[in-house]
Amino acid sequence: MDYIFQIIGPLWQGTLVTLKLFCITLVLSIPLGLALALMRLSKIRALSYAVNIYIWLMRGTPLLLQMLFICYALPLMPVIGITLPHFEAAVVAFALNYAAYFAEIFRGGILGVNKGQYEAAQTLGFTYAQTMRRIVLPQMIKRILPPLSNETITLVKDTSLIYALAINDLLRVARGFVNRDANFTPFLVAAVFYLCMTLVLTWFFQRLEKRYAVYDD
């Protein structure tokens, strides 16, 4: 027990790094994903096609590869040559990657709304923006909550990939203690931290599902 109290402080500091990446990624990727979904559904074929290619690239290549590319390959490109600190590079990679996944979730939710809803909104004189905000999006949210919950919980676990950039997140701190002390207890403590984070997210999304259950067809 004394050993756990000794390592709990550094592990909590690593958890804060994990939570920071998680929160920033959500703040950036959710609105970007919604924008991409709307562009993907656009009647402008060139725009829809370009977004489709972007989503294909982001979903078809590993997040770890994208993160390493932004961190190490991007600075070497002659035209772009952008150098980002490791944490910022991880944020960019995570936001761009998860925006693609969220975009497909949002697109599926929007397509799931009955077309009659759009026709009724037009009859009432609603603009496209009003139709989306007042009619489509509330119904979309109800439909996408289960897959959005799964993707968000996956994001918590995927944050451990920043270990590859030598960023002291929860997993890297735990691995450091295991290597130093030849004791697997830090891994168990880290697992408890991850489980607590996913438990909070599960509870949060269950509350949201109950709240948006009022938008029944």
C-alpha atoms as a PDB file:
ATOM      1  CA  MET A   1       0.000   0.000   0.000  1.00  0.00           C
ATOM      2  CA  ASP A   2       2.877   2.387   0.763  1.00  0.00           C
ATOM      3  CA  TYR A   3       4.222   1.784  -2.732  1.00  0.00           C
ATOM      4  CA  ILE A   4       0.869   2.746  -4.260  1.00  0.00           C
ATOM      5  CA  PHE A   5       0.857   5.994  -2.299  1.00  0.00           C
ATOM      6  CA  GLN A   6       4.367   6.725  -3.599  1.00  0.00           C
ATOM      7  CA  ILE A   7       3.423   6.326  -7.255  1.00  0.00           C
ATOM      8  CA  ILE A   8      -0.107   7.745  -7.157  1.00  0.00           C
ATOM      9  CA  GLY A   9       1.094  11.363  -7.447  1.00  0.00           C
ATOM     10  CA  PRO A  10       3.142  10.942 -10.642  1.00  0.00           C
ATOM     11  CA  LEU A  11       0.449   8.706 -12.128  1.00  0.00           C
ATOM     12  CA  TRP A  12      -2.128  11.407 -11.463  1.00  0.00           C
ATOM     13  CA  GLN A  13       0.094  13.941 -13.224  1.00  0.00           C
ATOM     14  CA  GLY A  14       0.237  11.579 -16.190  1.00  0.00           C
ATOM     15  CA  THR A  15      -3.548  11.259 -16.050  1.00  0.00           C
ATOM     16  CA  LEU A  16      -3.861  15.045 -16.305  1.00  0.00           C
ATOM     17  CA  VAL A  17      -1.851  14.946 -19.543  1.00  0.00           C
ATOM     18  CA  THR A  18      -4.151  12.192 -20.840  1.00  0.00           C
ATOM     19  CA  LEU A  19      -7.250  14.188 -19.892  1.00  0.00           C
ATOM     20  CA  LYS A  20      -5.835  17.337 -21.468  1.00  0.00           C
ATOM     21  CA  LEU A  21      -5.316  15.587 -24.798  1.00  0.00           C
ATOM     22  CA  PHE A  22      -8.746  13.966 -24.554  1.00  0.00           C
ATOM     23  CA  CYS A  23     -10.584  17.236 -23.849  1.00  0.00           C
ATOM     24  CA  ILE A  24      -8.773  19.284 -26.502  1.00  0.00           C
ATOM     25  CA  THR A  25      -9.372  16.562 -29.085  1.00  0.00           C
ATOM     26  CA  LEU A  26     -13.110  16.520 -28.353  1.00  0.00           C
ATOM     27  CA  VAL A  27     -13.397  20.315 -28.438  1.00  0.00           C
ATOM     28  CA  LEU A  28     -11.710  20.414 -31.846  1.00  0.00           C
ATOM     29  CA  SER A  29     -12.900  17.224 -33.526  1.00  0.00           C
ATOM     30  CA  ILE A  30     -16.641  17.328 -32.779  1.00  0.00           C
ATOM     31  CA  PRO A  31     -17.393  20.675 -34.500  1.00  0.00           C
ATOM     32  CA  LEU A  32     -14.939  19.811 -37.281  1.00  0.00           C
ATOM     33  CA  GLY A  33     -16.621  16.445 -37.702  1.00  0.00           C
ATOM     34  CA  LEU A  34     -20.050  18.067 -37.942  1.00  0.00           C
ATOM     35  CA  ALA A  35     -18.762  20.524 -40.538  1.00  0.00           C
ATOM     36  CA  LEU A  36     -17.238  17.678 -42.537  1.00  0.00           C
ATOM     37  CA  ALA A  37     -20.502  15.728 -42.372  1.00  0.00           C
ATOM     38  CA  LEU A  38     -22.444  18.690 -43.756  1.00  0.00           C
ATOM     39  CA  MET A  39     -19.878  19.172 -46.525  1.00  0.00           C
ATOM     40  CA  ARG A  40     -19.995  15.449 -47.279  1.00  0.00           C
ATOM     41  CA  LEU A  41     -23.766  15.791 -47.766  1.00  0.00           C
ATOM     42  CA  SER A  42     -23.384  18.940 -49.839  1.00  0.00           C
ATOM     43  CA  LYS A  43     -24.824  19.055 -53.340  1.00  0.00           C
ATOM     44  CA  ILE A  44     -21.508  20.501 -54.494  1.00  0.00           C
ATOM     45  CA  ARG A  45     -19.948  17.340 -55.876  1.00  0.00           C
ATOM     46  CA  ALA A  46     -16.345  18.552 -55.770  1.00  0.00           C
ATOM     47  CA  LEU A  47     -16.648  19.475 -52.094  1.00  0.00           C
ATOM     48  CA  SER A  48     -18.379  16.213 -51.209  1.00  0.00           C
ATOM     49  CA  TYR A  49     -15.760  14.217 -53.099  1.00  0.00           C
ATOM     50  CA  ALA A  50     -12.849  16.051 -51.442  1.00  0.00           C
ATOM     51  CA  VAL A  51     -14.280  15.403 -47.963  1.00  0.00           C
ATOM     52  CA  ASN A  52     -14.865  11.768 -48.855  1.00  0.00           C
ATOM     53  CA  ILE A  53     -11.191  11.416 -49.828  1.00  0.00           C
ATOM     54  CA  TYR A  54     -10.123  13.078 -46.568  1.00  0.00           C
ATOM     55  CA  ILE A  55     -12.279  10.732 -44.490  1.00  0.00           C
ATOM     56  CA  TRP A  56     -10.955   7.749 -46.416  1.00  0.00           C
ATOM     57  CA  LEU A  57      -7.350   8.788 -45.731  1.00  0.00           C
ATOM     58  CA  MET A  58      -7.900   9.450 -42.043  1.00  0.00           C
ATOM     59  CA  ARG A  59      -9.815   6.235 -41.426  1.00  0.00           C
ATOM     60  CA  GLY A  60      -7.633   4.119 -43.698  1.00  0.00           C
ATOM     61  CA  THR A  61      -4.272   4.861 -42.052  1.00  0.00           C
ATOM     62  CA  PRO A  62      -3.259   4.257 -38.429  1.00  0.00           C
ATOM     63  CA  LEU A  63      -3.549   7.153 -36.006  1.00  0.00           C
ATOM     64  CA  LEU A  64      -0.035   6.398 -34.780  1.00  0.00           C
ATOM     65  CA  LEU A  65       1.330   6.783 -38.320  1.00  0.00           C
ATOM     66  CA  GLN A  66      -0.491  10.104 -38.738  1.00  0.00           C
ATOM     67  CA  MET A  67       0.892  11.341 -35.432  1.00  0.00           C
ATOM     68  CA  LEU A  68       4.463  10.366 -36.326  1.00  0.00           C
ATOM     69  CA  PHE A  69       4.078  11.931 -39.769  1.00  0.00           C
ATOM     70  CA  ILE A  70       2.955  15.279 -38.329  1.00  0.00           C
ATOM     71  CA  CYS A  71       5.665  15.239 -35.683  1.00  0.00           C
ATOM     72  CA  TYR A  72       8.661  14.008 -37.679  1.00  0.00           C
ATOM     73  CA  ALA A  73       7.902  14.065 -41.426  1.00  0.00           C
ATOM     74  CA  LEU A  74       6.049  17.361 -41.726  1.00  0.00           C
ATOM     75  CA  PRO A  75       9.080  19.462 -40.679  1.00  0.00           C
ATOM     76  CA  LEU A  76      11.139  17.822 -43.450  1.00  0.00           C
ATOM     77  CA  MET A  77       8.742  18.732 -46.253  1.00  0.00           C
ATOM     78  CA  PRO A  78      10.332  21.515 -48.357  1.00  0.00           C
ATOM     79  CA  VAL A  79       7.183  23.538 -49.022  1.00  0.00           C
ATOM     80  CA  ILE A  80       5.379  23.178 -45.691  1.00  0.00           C
ATOM     81  CA  GLY A  81       8.191  22.651 -43.215  1.00  0.00           C
ATOM     82  CA  ILE A  82       6.034  23.103 -40.092  1.00  0.00           C
ATOM     83  CA  THR A  83       7.606  22.038 -36.810  1.00  0.00           C
ATOM     84  CA  LEU A  84       5.298  21.445 -33.877  1.00  0.00           C
ATOM     85  CA  PRO A  85       6.100  20.505 -30.280  1.00  0.00           C
ATOM     86  CA  HIS A  86       5.274  16.877 -29.571  1.00  0.00           C
ATOM     87  CA  PHE A  87       2.090  17.509 -27.611  1.00  0.00           C
ATOM     88  CA  GLU A  88       0.723  19.970 -30.189  1.00  0.00           C
ATOM     89  CA  ALA A  89       1.551  17.507 -32.962  1.00  0.00           C
ATOM     90  CA  ALA A  90      -0.409  14.837 -31.099  1.00  0.00           C
ATOM     91  CA  VAL A  91      -3.371  17.225 -30.712  1.00  0.00           C
ATOM     92  CA  VAL A  92      -3.424  17.967 -34.453  1.00  0.00           C
ATOM     93  CA  ALA A  93      -3.230  14.276 -35.362  1.00  0.00           C
ATOM     94  CA  PHE A  94      -5.936  13.256 -32.904  1.00  0.00           C
ATOM     95  CA  ALA A  95      -8.277  16.104 -33.889  1.00  0.00           C
ATOM     96  CA  LEU A  96      -7.949  15.430 -37.629  1.00  0.00           C
ATOM     97  CA  ASN A  97      -8.317  11.682 -37.188  1.00  0.00           C
ATOM     98  CA  TYR A  98     -11.300  11.722 -34.859  1.00  0.00           C
ATOM     99  CA  ALA A  99     -13.032  14.425 -36.880  1.00  0.00           C
ATOM    100  CA  ALA A 100     -13.185  11.926 -39.754  1.00  0.00           C
ATOM    101  CA  TYR A 101     -14.808   9.270 -37.560  1.00  0.00           C
ATOM    102  CA  PHE A 102     -17.222  11.752 -36.005  1.00  0.00           C
ATOM    103  CA  ALA A 103     -18.101  13.026 -39.477  1.00  0.00           C
ATOM    104  CA  GLU A 104     -19.340   9.598 -40.528  1.00  0.00           C
ATOM    105  CA  ILE A 105     -21.289   9.230 -37.284  1.00  0.00           C
ATOM    106  CA  PHE A 106     -22.928  12.626 -37.806  1.00  0.00           C
ATOM    107  CA  ARG A 107     -23.634  11.881 -41.465  1.00  0.00           C
ATOM    108  CA  GLY A 108     -25.359   8.638 -40.550  1.00  0.00           C
ATOM    109  CA  GLY A 109     -27.434  10.445 -37.948  1.00  0.00           C
ATOM    110  CA  ILE A 110     -28.499  13.160 -40.383  1.00  0.00           C
ATOM    111  CA  LEU A 111     -29.421  10.629 -43.069  1.00  0.00           C
ATOM    112  CA  GLY A 112     -31.473   8.759 -40.491  1.00  0.00           C
ATOM    113  CA  VAL A 113     -33.886  11.671 -40.112  1.00  0.00           C
ATOM    114  CA  ASN A 114     -37.027  11.135 -42.174  1.00  0.00           C
ATOM    115  CA  LYS A 115     -37.065  13.189 -45.377  1.00  0.00           C
ATOM    116  CA  GLY A 116     -40.591  14.228 -44.570  1.00  0.00           C
ATOM    117  CA  GLN A 117     -39.139  16.377 -41.785  1.00  0.00           C
ATOM    118  CA  TYR A 118     -37.289  18.483 -44.361  1.00  0.00           C
ATOM    119  CA  GLU A 119     -40.391  18.833 -46.523  1.00  0.00           C
ATOM    120  CA  ALA A 120     -42.489  19.884 -43.537  1.00  0.00           C
ATOM    121  CA  ALA A 121     -39.866  22.468 -42.575  1.00  0.00           C
ATOM    122  CA  GLN A 122     -39.887  23.885 -46.108  1.00  0.00           C
ATOM    123  CA  THR A 123     -43.657  24.139 -45.974  1.00  0.00           C
ATOM    124  CA  LEU A 124     -43.380  26.132 -42.745  1.00  0.00           C
ATOM    125  CA  GLY A 125     -40.875  28.468 -44.379  1.00  0.00           C
ATOM    126  CA  PHE A 126     -37.823  27.344 -42.414  1.00  0.00           C
ATOM    127  CA  THR A 127     -34.422  28.107 -43.872  1.00  0.00           C
ATOM    128  CA  TYR A 128     -31.848  25.321 -44.220  1.00  0.00           C
ATOM    129  CA  ALA A 129     -30.032  26.535 -41.101  1.00  0.00           C
ATOM    130  CA  GLN A 130     -33.253  26.677 -39.089  1.00  0.00           C
ATOM    131  CA  THR A 131     -34.248  23.219 -40.281  1.00  0.00           C
ATOM    132  CA  MET A 132     -30.916  21.767 -39.201  1.00  0.00           C
ATOM    133  CA  ARG A 133     -30.832  23.542 -35.843  1.00  0.00           C
ATOM    134  CA  ARG A 134     -34.443  23.072 -34.751  1.00  0.00           C
ATOM    135  CA  ILE A 135     -35.503  19.830 -36.386  1.00  0.00           C
ATOM    136  CA  VAL A 136     -32.678  17.690 -37.754  1.00  0.00           C
ATOM    137  CA  LEU A 137     -29.886  18.098 -35.196  1.00  0.00           C
ATOM    138  CA  PRO A 138     -31.976  17.278 -32.083  1.00  0.00           C
ATOM    139  CA  GLN A 139     -33.162  14.061 -33.750  1.00  0.00           C
ATOM    140  CA  MET A 140     -29.670  13.335 -35.038  1.00  0.00           C
ATOM    141  CA  ILE A 141     -28.182  13.607 -31.551  1.00  0.00           C
ATOM    142  CA  LYS A 142     -30.556  10.954 -30.241  1.00  0.00           C
ATOM    143  CA  ARG A 143     -29.521   8.566 -33.015  1.00  0.00           C
ATOM    144  CA  ILE A 144     -25.769   9.078 -32.764  1.00  0.00           C
ATOM    145  CA  LEU A 145     -25.336   8.877 -28.992  1.00  0.00           C
ATOM    146  CA  PRO A 146     -24.480   5.123 -28.853  1.00  0.00           C
ATOM    147  CA  PRO A 147     -21.777   5.233 -31.576  1.00  0.00           C
ATOM    148  CA  LEU A 148     -20.564   8.604 -30.296  1.00  0.00           C
ATOM    149  CA  SER A 149     -20.224   7.104 -26.829  1.00  0.00           C
ATOM    150  CA  ASN A 150     -18.184   4.179 -28.184  1.00  0.00           C
ATOM    151  CA  GLU A 151     -15.910   6.484 -30.179  1.00  0.00           C
ATOM    152  CA  THR A 152     -15.349   8.775 -27.203  1.00  0.00           C
ATOM    153  CA  ILE A 153     -14.412   5.877 -24.939  1.00  0.00           C
ATOM    154  CA  THR A 154     -12.042   4.645 -27.647  1.00  0.00           C
ATOM    155  CA  LEU A 155     -10.455   8.095 -27.640  1.00  0.00           C
ATOM    156  CA  VAL A 156      -9.619   7.738 -23.943  1.00  0.00           C
ATOM    157  CA  LYS A 157      -7.712   4.544 -24.671  1.00  0.00           C
ATOM    158  CA  ASP A 158      -6.106   5.873 -27.851  1.00  0.00           C
ATOM    159  CA  THR A 159      -4.481   8.715 -25.918  1.00  0.00           C
ATOM    160  CA  SER A 160      -1.928   6.126 -24.786  1.00  0.00           C
ATOM    161  CA  LEU A 161      -0.455   6.313 -28.316  1.00  0.00           C
ATOM    162  CA  ILE A 162       1.351   9.537 -27.376  1.00  0.00           C
ATOM    163  CA  TYR A 163       3.718   7.222 -25.533  1.00  0.00           C
ATOM    164  CA  ALA A 164       5.490   6.979 -28.920  1.00  0.00           C
ATOM    165  CA  LEU A 165       6.301  10.715 -28.755  1.00  0.00           C
ATOM    166  CA  ALA A 166       7.867  10.394 -25.291  1.00  0.00           C
ATOM    167  CA  ILE A 167       5.083  12.445 -23.704  1.00  0.00           C
ATOM    168  CA  ASN A 168       4.555  11.635 -20.048  1.00  0.00           C
ATOM    169  CA  ASP A 169       0.961  10.515 -20.168  1.00  0.00           C
ATOM    170  CA  LEU A 170      -0.554   7.986 -17.778  1.00  0.00           C
ATOM    171  CA  LEU A 171       0.729   4.896 -19.585  1.00  0.00           C
ATOM    172  CA  ARG A 172       4.278   6.187 -20.036  1.00  0.00           C
ATOM    173  CA  VAL A 173       4.579   7.148 -16.371  1.00  0.00           C
ATOM    174  CA  ALA A 174       3.296   3.711 -15.357  1.00  0.00           C
ATOM    175  CA  ARG A 175       5.748   2.001 -17.712  1.00  0.00           C
ATOM    176  CA  GLY A 176       8.584   4.042 -16.212  1.00  0.00           C
ATOM    177  CA  PHE A 177       7.778   2.789 -12.729  1.00  0.00           C
ATOM    178  CA  VAL A 178       7.480  -0.809 -13.946  1.00  0.00           C
ATOM    179  CA  ASN A 179      10.901  -0.638 -15.624  1.00  0.00           C
ATOM    180  CA  ARG A 180      12.494   1.018 -12.603  1.00  0.00           C
ATOM    181  CA  ASP A 181      10.999  -1.138  -9.871  1.00  0.00           C
ATOM    182  CA  ALA A 182      10.315  -4.419 -11.693  1.00  0.00           C
ATOM    183  CA  ASN A 183       6.801  -4.256 -10.248  1.00  0.00           C
ATOM    184  CA  PHE A 184       3.609  -4.497 -12.297  1.00  0.00           C
ATOM    185  CA  THR A 185       1.501  -2.633  -9.704  1.00  0.00           C
ATOM    186  CA  PRO A 186       1.721   0.700 -11.624  1.00  0.00           C
ATOM    187  CA  PHE A 187       0.008  -0.981 -14.585  1.00  0.00           C
ATOM    188  CA  LEU A 188      -2.851  -2.039 -12.294  1.00  0.00           C
ATOM    189  CA  VAL A 189      -3.182   1.468 -10.900  1.00  0.00           C
ATOM    190  CA  ALA A 190      -3.115   2.911 -14.432  1.00  0.00           C
ATOM    191  CA  ALA A 191      -5.859   0.461 -15.431  1.00  0.00           C
ATOM    192  CA  VAL A 192      -7.989   1.731 -12.537  1.00  0.00           C
ATOM    193  CA  PHE A 193      -7.500   5.320 -13.756  1.00  0.00           C
ATOM    194  CA  TYR A 194      -8.566   4.367 -17.296  1.00  0.00           C
ATOM    195  CA  LEU A 195     -11.576   2.445 -15.985  1.00  0.00           C
ATOM    196  CA  CYS A 196     -12.637   5.420 -13.869  1.00  0.00           C
ATOM    197  CA  MET A 197     -12.470   7.729 -16.897  1.00  0.00           C
ATOM    198  CA  THR A 198     -14.521   5.361 -19.042  1.00  0.00           C
ATOM    199  CA  LEU A 199     -17.007   4.884 -16.188  1.00  0.00           C
ATOM    200  CA  VAL A 200     -17.605   8.644 -16.015  1.00  0.00           C
ATOM    201  CA  LEU A 201     -18.080   8.808 -19.791  1.00  0.00           C
ATOM    202  CA  THR A 202     -20.481   5.860 -19.762  1.00  0.00           C
ATOM    203  CA  TRP A 203     -22.568   7.514 -17.043  1.00  0.00           C
ATOM    204  CA  PHE A 204     -22.531  10.839 -18.914  1.00  0.00           C
ATOM    205  CA  PHE A 205     -23.732   9.348 -22.199  1.00  0.00           C
ATOM    206  CA  GLN A 206     -26.423   7.320 -20.444  1.00  0.00           C
ATOM    207  CA  ARG A 207     -27.760  10.557 -18.977  1.00  0.00           C
ATOM    208  CA  LEU A 208     -27.705  12.152 -22.423  1.00  0.00           C
ATOM    209  CA  GLU A 209     -29.605   9.237 -23.926  1.00  0.00           C
ATOM    210  CA  LYS A 210     -32.332   9.641 -21.299  1.00  0.00           C
ATOM    211  CA  ARG A 211     -32.478  13.373 -21.933  1.00  0.00           C
ATOM    212  CA  TYR A 212     -32.807  13.077 -25.710  1.00  0.00           C
ATOM    213  CA  ALA A 213     -35.268  10.205 -25.473  1.00  0.00           C
ATOM    214  CA  VAL A 214     -37.975  12.888 -25.597  1.00  0.00           C
ATOM    215  CA  TYR A 215     -37.259  13.229 -29.346  1.00  0.00           C
ATOM    216  CA  ASP A 216     -39.028   9.997 -30.215  1.00  0.00           C
ATOM    217  CA  ASP A 217     -40.389   9.457 -33.689  1.00  0.00           C
END
